[in-house]
Structure formats: structure tokens, C-alpha cells
Protein backbone atom coordinates (compact mmCIF):
# COMPACT_ATOMS: atom_id res chain seq x y z
CA UNK A 1 78.05 18.08 57.92
CA UNK A 2 80.26 16.31 55.64
CA UNK A 3 77.55 13.61 55.61
CA UNK A 4 74.89 16.36 54.24
CA UNK A 5 77.46 17.31 51.64
CA UNK A 6 77.98 13.66 50.09
CA UNK A 7 74.07 13.15 49.95
CA UNK A 8 73.81 16.13 48.13
CA UNK A 9 76.66 15.78 45.87
CA UNK A 10 75.49 12.32 44.51
CA UNK A 11 71.95 13.72 44.27
CA UNK A 12 72.20 17.30 42.48
CA UNK A 13 68.85 17.71 41.78
CA UNK A 14 68.28 18.14 45.60
CA UNK A 15 71.18 21.03 45.55
CA UNK A 16 68.97 22.65 42.20
CA UNK A 17 65.93 22.34 44.55
CA UNK A 18 67.50 24.41 47.32
CA UNK A 19 69.17 26.84 45.27
CA UNK A 20 65.63 27.11 43.82
CA UNK A 21 63.86 27.28 47.34
CA UNK A 22 66.03 30.44 47.98
CA UNK A 23 65.52 31.99 44.71
CA UNK A 24 68.82 31.31 42.66
CA UNK A 25 67.71 31.48 39.19
CA UNK A 26 68.38 29.69 35.86
CA UNK A 27 70.01 26.72 37.62
CA UNK A 28 72.20 24.74 34.96
CA UNK A 29 73.03 20.92 36.52
CA UNK A 30 76.19 20.02 35.07
CA UNK A 31 78.48 17.04 35.00
CA UNK A 32 80.47 18.00 37.78
CA UNK A 33 79.20 21.50 38.69
CA UNK A 34 76.05 23.66 39.15
CA UNK A 35 75.95 27.07 37.06
CA UNK A 36 73.25 29.94 38.28
CA UNK A 37 72.32 33.33 38.84
CA UNK A 38 71.47 35.37 41.78
CA UNK A 39 69.18 37.37 40.22
CA UNK A 40 66.68 36.46 37.25
CA UNK A 41 68.34 39.25 34.80
CA UNK A 42 71.93 38.71 36.11
CA UNK A 43 74.98 36.57 34.73
CA UNK A 44 73.20 33.08 34.68
CA UNK A 45 76.79 31.59 35.16
CA UNK A 46 78.47 33.91 38.35
CA UNK A 47 77.70 31.35 40.88
CA UNK A 48 79.49 27.85 40.42
CA UNK A 49 78.62 24.92 43.11
CA UNK A 50 81.33 22.49 42.34
CA UNK A 51 80.02 18.61 43.17
CA UNK A 52 82.82 17.29 45.40
CA UNK A 53 82.91 16.28 48.76
CA UNK A 54 83.31 19.87 50.35
CA UNK A 55 80.38 21.21 47.89
CA UNK A 56 82.86 24.63 46.97
CA UNK A 57 80.83 27.26 46.24
CA UNK A 58 81.73 30.59 44.35
CA UNK A 59 79.87 34.15 43.54
CA UNK A 60 82.30 35.45 40.78
CA UNK A 61 80.42 38.32 40.94
CA UNK A 62 80.78 39.30 44.33
CA UNK A 63 84.06 37.51 45.26
CA UNK A 64 82.44 35.03 47.37
CA UNK A 65 84.29 31.88 48.23
CA UNK A 66 83.12 29.09 50.45
CA UNK A 67 80.63 25.83 49.94
CA UNK A 68 77.03 26.14 49.29
CA UNK A 69 76.04 26.75 53.00
CA UNK A 70 78.14 29.99 53.39
CA UNK A 71 77.21 31.04 49.71
CA UNK A 72 73.60 31.11 50.94
CA UNK A 73 74.35 32.35 54.36
CA UNK A 74 76.33 35.27 52.27
CA UNK A 75 74.35 35.88 49.40
CA UNK A 76 71.02 35.60 51.23
CA UNK A 77 70.79 36.19 54.67
CA UNK A 78 70.15 32.89 55.87
CA UNK A 79 71.27 31.40 59.45
CA UNK A 80 73.18 28.40 59.36
CA UNK A 81 70.79 26.18 61.46
CA UNK A 82 67.60 27.14 58.80
CA UNK A 83 70.06 26.00 55.97
CA UNK A 84 70.52 22.83 57.39
CA UNK A 85 67.30 22.21 58.21
CA UNK A 86 66.16 23.34 54.86
CA UNK A 87 68.54 20.24 53.16
CA UNK A 88 67.73 17.61 55.90
CA UNK A 89 64.15 18.17 54.71
CA UNK A 90 64.72 18.20 51.05
CA UNK A 91 66.78 14.89 52.01
CA UNK A 92 64.29 13.57 53.98
CA UNK A 93 66.43 12.69 56.89
CA UNK A 94 65.59 13.42 60.62
CA UNK A 95 69.29 12.51 62.09
CA UNK A 96 72.60 11.52 60.92
CA UNK A 97 75.22 10.03 62.77
CA UNK A 98 77.68 12.70 63.16
CA UNK A 99 80.64 11.19 65.20
CA UNK A 100 80.87 8.05 63.07
CA UNK A 101 84.40 7.00 62.05
CA UNK A 102 85.46 7.73 58.47
CA UNK A 103 87.81 5.91 56.31
CA UNK A 104 88.38 9.29 54.80
CA UNK A 105 91.02 9.66 57.77
CA UNK A 106 92.93 6.46 56.68
CA UNK A 107 90.90 4.36 59.33
CA UNK A 108 92.78 6.28 62.13
CA UNK A 109 88.97 7.17 63.65
CA UNK A 110 88.81 3.30 63.55
CA UNK A 111 91.64 2.60 66.14
CA UNK A 112 90.14 4.98 68.10
CA UNK A 113 86.62 4.01 68.23
CA UNK A 114 88.57 0.62 69.44
CA UNK A 115 90.90 2.31 72.25
CA UNK A 116 87.78 4.19 73.23
CA UNK A 117 84.54 2.45 73.70
CA UNK A 118 83.23 5.21 76.38
CA UNK A 119 80.06 7.43 74.66
CA UNK A 120 79.71 10.90 75.28
CA UNK A 121 76.02 12.00 75.92
CA UNK A 122 75.33 15.11 74.03
CA UNK A 123 72.58 17.22 75.77
CA UNK A 124 70.54 19.89 74.07
CA UNK A 125 69.07 22.53 75.98
CA UNK A 126 65.82 24.55 75.07
CA UNK A 127 66.53 27.84 73.85
CA UNK A 128 63.62 29.15 76.38
CA UNK A 129 66.41 28.75 79.40
CA UNK A 130 68.57 31.57 77.76
CA UNK A 131 65.42 34.34 78.73
CA UNK A 132 66.53 34.61 82.25
CA UNK A 133 69.96 35.67 80.86
CA UNK A 134 69.59 38.24 77.55
CA UNK A 135 69.81 41.69 77.05
CA UNK A 136 72.13 42.01 79.99
CA UNK A 137 75.34 43.02 79.09
CA UNK A 138 78.12 43.85 81.29
CA UNK A 139 81.34 46.59 81.73
CA UNK A 140 83.82 43.52 82.45
CA UNK A 141 83.62 42.11 78.88
CA UNK A 142 83.65 45.97 77.69
CA UNK A 143 86.94 46.32 79.73
CA UNK A 144 88.26 43.22 78.37
CA UNK A 145 87.82 44.53 74.26
CA UNK A 146 84.04 42.72 73.63
CA UNK A 147 81.94 45.45 72.56
CA UNK A 148 78.33 45.69 73.50
CA UNK A 149 77.46 44.67 69.81
CA UNK A 150 79.92 41.16 70.12
CA UNK A 151 77.84 40.61 73.50
CA UNK A 152 74.58 40.65 71.88
CA UNK A 153 75.46 38.74 68.86
CA UNK A 154 77.11 35.93 71.12
CA UNK A 155 73.79 36.19 73.38
CA UNK A 156 75.92 37.08 76.42
CA UNK A 157 73.98 37.57 79.52
CA UNK A 158 74.21 37.42 83.66
CA UNK A 159 73.17 34.85 85.87
CA UNK A 160 72.68 36.85 89.16
CA UNK A 161 72.35 33.68 91.17
CA UNK A 162 75.81 32.95 90.62
CA UNK A 163 77.14 36.43 89.81
CA UNK A 164 78.39 35.05 87.00
CA UNK A 165 78.21 36.22 83.15
CA UNK A 166 76.73 33.74 80.95
CA UNK A 167 78.14 32.65 77.41
CA UNK A 168 76.15 30.26 75.59
CA UNK A 169 77.93 27.33 73.70
CA UNK A 170 75.91 26.24 70.09
CA UNK A 171 76.54 23.23 68.21
CA UNK A 172 77.05 24.00 64.29
CA UNK A 173 73.11 23.65 63.86
CA UNK A 174 72.78 26.59 66.36
CA UNK A 175 71.24 24.21 69.17
CA UNK A 176 72.02 24.99 72.44
CA UNK A 177 74.45 22.54 73.98
CA UNK A 178 75.57 24.66 77.18
CA UNK A 179 76.14 27.60 78.92
CA UNK A 180 79.42 28.66 80.85
CA UNK A 181 79.66 31.18 83.49
CA UNK A 182 82.35 33.86 84.17
CA UNK A 183 82.95 35.00 87.72
CA UNK A 184 82.34 38.80 88.13
CA UNK A 185 84.00 39.07 91.14
CA UNK A 186 87.49 38.82 92.51
CA UNK A 187 87.57 35.02 92.17
CA UNK A 188 91.07 34.78 93.92
CA UNK A 189 90.20 36.79 96.46
CA UNK A 190 86.88 34.68 96.88
CA UNK A 191 88.43 31.35 96.17
CA UNK A 192 85.98 30.59 93.40
CA UNK A 193 86.72 29.29 89.79
CA UNK A 194 86.73 31.89 87.27
CA UNK A 195 84.76 29.87 84.73
CA UNK A 196 82.21 27.50 85.99
CA UNK A 197 79.26 25.67 84.03
CA UNK A 198 76.03 27.15 84.56
CA UNK A 199 74.27 24.40 82.35
CA UNK A 200 76.93 21.59 82.00
CA UNK A 201 78.03 20.24 78.62
CA UNK A 202 81.14 18.69 76.99
CA UNK A 203 83.34 21.19 75.55
CA UNK A 204 85.67 18.60 73.69
CA UNK A 205 82.56 18.00 71.17
CA UNK A 206 82.45 21.80 70.12
CA UNK A 207 83.78 24.61 69.37
CA UNK A 208 83.04 28.04 70.15
CA UNK A 209 81.96 30.42 67.50
CA UNK A 210 81.72 28.04 65.29
CA UNK A 211 78.10 28.42 64.33
CA UNK A 212 78.33 32.38 64.17
CA UNK A 213 81.51 32.71 62.27
CA UNK A 214 80.86 29.79 59.61
CA UNK A 215 80.00 31.75 56.65
CA UNK A 216 83.97 33.23 57.05
CA UNK A 217 85.48 30.52 58.37
CA UNK A 218 84.45 28.01 55.49
CA UNK A 219 87.32 27.84 53.04
CA UNK A 220 89.08 30.63 54.85
CA UNK A 221 92.84 31.42 54.49
CA UNK A 222 93.73 31.41 58.33
CA UNK A 223 91.44 29.71 60.83
CA UNK A 224 92.52 30.79 64.14
CA UNK A 225 92.16 28.59 67.43
CA UNK A 226 92.09 29.90 70.33
CA UNK A 227 91.71 28.42 74.06
CA UNK A 228 88.55 30.44 75.30
CA UNK A 229 85.44 32.10 74.21
CA UNK A 230 86.80 35.22 75.28
CA UNK A 231 89.42 35.01 72.24
CA UNK A 232 86.75 34.46 69.65
CA UNK A 233 84.73 37.48 71.20
CA UNK A 234 87.68 39.67 71.30
CA UNK A 235 88.64 39.11 67.74
CA UNK A 236 84.74 39.55 66.51
CA UNK A 237 85.04 43.12 68.21
CA UNK A 238 88.12 43.67 66.19
CA UNK A 239 86.57 42.90 62.89
CA UNK A 240 88.07 39.48 62.72
CA UNK A 241 85.62 36.54 62.39
CA UNK A 242 87.87 33.57 61.28
CA UNK A 243 88.14 32.03 64.79
CA UNK A 244 87.32 29.57 67.06
CA UNK A 245 87.68 28.59 70.07
CA UNK A 246 88.74 25.37 72.45
CA UNK A 247 87.17 25.86 75.68
CA UNK A 248 90.64 24.79 77.16
CA UNK A 249 94.05 24.18 76.33
CA UNK A 250 93.67 20.76 74.26
CA UNK A 251 92.10 19.53 71.50
CA UNK A 252 89.98 17.02 71.03
CA UNK A 253 89.09 14.59 68.05
CA UNK A 254 85.94 15.66 67.21
CA UNK A 255 87.13 19.33 67.24
CA UNK A 256 89.72 18.41 64.71
CA UNK A 257 86.83 16.86 62.71
CA UNK A 258 85.00 20.23 62.69
CA UNK A 259 88.05 22.14 61.49
CA UNK A 260 88.66 20.17 58.83
CA UNK A 261 85.00 20.76 57.57
CA UNK A 262 85.72 24.35 57.36
CA UNK A 263 88.23 23.37 54.31
CA UNK A 264 90.58 26.00 55.73
CA UNK A 265 94.53 26.57 53.86
CA UNK A 266 95.77 27.22 57.22
CA UNK A 267 95.24 26.49 60.90
CA UNK A 268 96.94 28.55 63.39
CA UNK A 269 96.97 27.77 67.33
CA UNK A 270 96.78 30.83 69.42
CA UNK A 271 97.36 29.45 73.08
CA UNK A 272 97.91 31.59 76.16
CA UNK A 273 101.39 32.94 77.02
CA UNK A 274 103.18 30.67 79.42
CA UNK A 275 101.25 27.27 78.45
CA UNK A 276 104.13 24.35 78.30
CA UNK A 277 105.62 24.09 75.09
CA UNK A 278 105.51 19.93 75.39
CA UNK A 279 101.68 20.41 75.74
CA UNK A 280 101.57 22.94 72.84
CA UNK A 281 103.32 20.46 70.69
CA UNK A 282 100.73 17.57 71.42
CA UNK A 283 97.86 19.36 70.11
CA UNK A 284 99.66 20.58 67.23
CA UNK A 285 100.87 17.11 66.57
CA UNK A 286 97.11 15.81 67.30
CA UNK A 287 95.86 17.71 64.64
CA UNK A 288 98.62 16.99 62.01
CA UNK A 289 98.28 13.14 62.58
CA UNK A 290 94.24 13.41 61.73
CA UNK A 291 95.03 15.79 58.76
CA UNK A 292 98.01 14.62 57.21
CA UNK A 293 95.97 13.36 54.02
CA UNK A 294 94.94 17.00 53.40
CA UNK A 295 96.91 19.93 52.23
CA UNK A 296 96.20 22.40 55.64
CA UNK A 297 99.15 24.31 56.84
CA UNK A 298 99.44 23.96 60.96
CA UNK A 299 101.38 26.67 62.92
CA UNK A 300 101.23 27.85 66.13
CA UNK A 301 101.93 31.60 67.44
CA UNK A 302 105.22 31.10 69.46
CA UNK A 303 106.26 34.66 71.25
CA UNK A 304 109.49 33.05 72.43
CA UNK A 305 111.30 36.48 73.38
CA UNK A 306 108.20 37.76 74.81
CA UNK A 307 108.32 40.68 72.95
CA UNK A 308 104.53 41.08 72.66
CA UNK A 309 102.55 38.55 75.04
CA UNK A 310 104.67 39.54 78.09
CA UNK A 311 106.35 36.94 80.25
CA UNK A 312 103.86 35.99 83.17
CA UNK A 313 100.94 38.09 81.66
CA UNK A 314 99.07 34.87 81.11
CA UNK A 315 97.57 36.68 78.18
CA UNK A 316 95.60 35.24 75.12
CA UNK A 317 97.24 36.71 71.52
CA UNK A 318 93.67 38.28 71.33
CA UNK A 319 94.43 40.43 74.68
CA UNK A 320 97.00 42.31 73.02
CA UNK A 321 94.72 44.50 70.49
CA UNK A 322 94.05 44.30 66.89
CA UNK A 323 97.85 45.37 65.65
CA UNK A 324 99.32 42.97 68.55
CA UNK A 325 97.27 40.10 66.91
CA UNK A 326 97.92 41.10 63.48
CA UNK A 327 101.44 41.36 64.25
CA UNK A 328 101.76 38.02 66.02
CA UNK A 329 99.78 35.80 63.42
CA UNK A 330 102.17 38.07 60.69
CA UNK A 331 105.86 37.21 62.27
CA UNK A 332 105.51 34.77 65.37
CA UNK A 333 104.02 31.81 63.79
CA UNK A 334 106.09 28.64 63.93
CA UNK A 335 104.68 26.02 60.97
CA UNK A 336 104.81 22.33 62.05
């Protein structure tokens, strides 16, 4: 994503062509910004796109803030993957090395690359494999506070062969990268894993909910980072769309980079109750190190006296309802 933005920043005429394609009007390319209007006979300067690395965008008439991509998503109702494909076509590129270490992080990634020479193969699956699972909603998630509208949005289904709820994971281009399955029976009694990959993938390379929540996440006040996909979906059912999930209790370098791409003001970790405090501290410190050059506050929900997250419950902050969650992220965040 950051590579695409840099290319556009250096060649603003491409941004002009993209805006024209999506029916923006009276486009005026200036030295440090681009101004335009939504409709032909509306304010010609109501939309501003700054020519910086984030392509910061504002629609002052509608109080919309984010980047070029999220602006088009919100104003024109276009999916993120379609916009990215349009940008790639405009730039005449078919592939960008998105995992290449960047000097922007002070050479930190250069050191990581030298220490870890292993290569993670990122496989993508054909979307047609979802046909066996779609439109099969479940009451187990409903009882967990994930309504049917959210289940439809996140393409939740059922894999009858493994007796599991199917939860697809997508990258930011909305390519299917894997499917995890949540066991529908008593996993402890049946001695099986609660979560098991139906279509294996490397969770450490992705953030669940990133693609569907992108327009709300971009330049948001606070991005909430939870452990599981359930965290994101529960918050979605509450009307909170600025969350992502790690797929575990550890954050990895690629996930931190993707959080940086969102340009948030604050990152708040929302780990499950009972997680070891030293493990939590390591995740926060790792994030702080990689983002030390940026003005992003980093905090973590800590309910030390178990006033909301009951001791031994292993609850996620999203398990305690909207009011409980709001209280946790308002009164129980420790900033690091």
C-alpha cells in the first residue's frame, strides 16, 4: 500500500486520472495538494488530497477524513480491492514487493532481514472455494454477540465435513488467503482444537478485518487490536468498525507495518483476560520499537482488579458488551 501511495505522490497526474475515473469534478493539481469537488456543480475545493506519503484526504463538506483510498470508498461506495486494481492499472504495474524492508523504519527491517533469511510463501486461494460455505449462518456466533448481518458481511459459513464454522481471511486487496474453522461442538469434551485451519495460511502476515474496515480504520483516532476474528466481528455488531485481529496473542513485523499504513493516532491492544503480563509487554515494546519514528500513542487494556474482565474468564474485551468495552478502552488503558 505504501509503495502505491509513493508512486502516486511522485506522479500526481495519475491521481488526477483516477479521480476522473471515479467521477470527481473540477480537479485542480497544485504544488502540494489536489483540490476537487464531488459533483459538477458543488464546491470545487471541498475535497483535498495532500501530496504526502499517506495521500491524506479530506472531504470538508461531509467531514470525511482518511487517505485517497478511503475517501473514494466512502464517497463513491467502491470496494478497496477495486480501487487498488484501478491504481495498479493506472500505474501500469502488475506486482509490487510489499514486504521489502524500508529505511523509513531507521534500517530496523534491514537487521530483521539479515537475522531471518527464511521466506514465507503467501498462498492465495480461488474465491470459488467459498461457494460450499456461504449463506450458512449459525446461532453459536449469534449467542456470542455476532449478528447475522455481521456474519454475512464477513462471509461466515459452515463446513459440515469438519463440523466447524468457516471464517475466511483476506489480505488488504481482498484476495482469499485462508479459512479458519471454529468447532461447533464441545471441543474440550471431544478433545479437539477449538480453532483449526480449514485452508491453511500464515496468520502472522495478515490482520483480520483490515480489508472490510479499511475506510473506517484509515487515519482513525483509535485502532483496537484484539486476538481473534471474533473480537472484530463482535465489535462490528456493536457498530464499532475500527478494529483488527492478530489471530493469536503475538504481533508480528508485517502486522505492525500494516497498522502503520493506517496512519492512526492511537493503537490500543485488547488482549484476552489472563494473558501473561510479560507477554503483553513484549508485544507492546515490539510495536513501540518499530513505530518509534511516528507520532502514534500505544496502549493496552489492563483490568488489574478484574472489575470488568472477571478473573479466570479468559474473556476478550469484546465479550463484555458495548458498554463494558467502551468503559475498558476509556478508563482501563495503560499507555506505554
